[in-house]
Amino acid sequence: MFRGKKYVESAKKIEKGVLYDAPEAMDLVVKTATAKFDETVELHVKLGVDSRHADQQVRGAIVLPHGTGKTQRVLVFAKGDKAEAAKEAGADFVGEMDLVQKIQQENWFDYDVVVASPDMMGVVGRLGKVLGPKGLMPSPKAGTVTPDVAKAVKEIKAGKVEYRLDKTNIIHCPIGKVSFGAEKLTENFNALMGAIIKAKPSAAKGQYIRSCVTATTMGPGVKINSAKLV
């Protein structure tokens, strides 16, 4: 695979085969960021579970101590007082059947998170085949199906992230921006890993955290010593 000159130079700062402690890894991630924009720092965690089994799913959400550095656009399905509360909480889009039709007819996806009150799930369920593949379908586990939609909106705006396994048993999640610096990134990392470890399924056998790698949008990966996390 072809790598640019900046990437190659950045990669030289990382020792091959070395597992770094989290603070050192975050320091390296910041130092190896060379893009002209404020790169997102991502975490990739491979777990020793099988996502094909329902009792080995790992999914949840957590408000990172320092947020993600990105303002999420939130769409809320609610009516009456809940709809008004969602608007006051800062929701970008609030509606009912009108939003369902807009999504169905216009293939509209100008939002990052979808929240719904339980009484609206009968309507939102019609969008399962559209929102599901994009990871946008509201879920009680992620806290996006809730009677308190205003609280959900506030948490998302404050930096709440959802973590979930993909088909290869890896969790991919943003933990901030390069501009945060190593200390804030480490605190966000510790909060997310704490939640993932707490969410360990009882059916999981053997080593739970197989590997843990952090990287910027354009930079090389830094391996983290996961043995110290469990």
Foldseek 3Di string as FASTA:
>chain_A
DDADPLQVVLCVVADPPDAAAQLVQLQSQLVSDDDPDFWFKKKKWFWQFACVDPLQWFKAKDQFPQAAADAFAEEEEDDDPLQVLQVVLPHNHYYALVVVCCCVPVVDDPGDEYAYEQVRCVRLVVCCVSCVVVVHRADVRHVRHHNNNSVVSNSVRSHMDMWTQDNSRMTMTTQYTSVVGSVSSSSSVLVVLVSRVVRGRPPRDDGTTPWMWMHTPRHDIHTHDCVVND
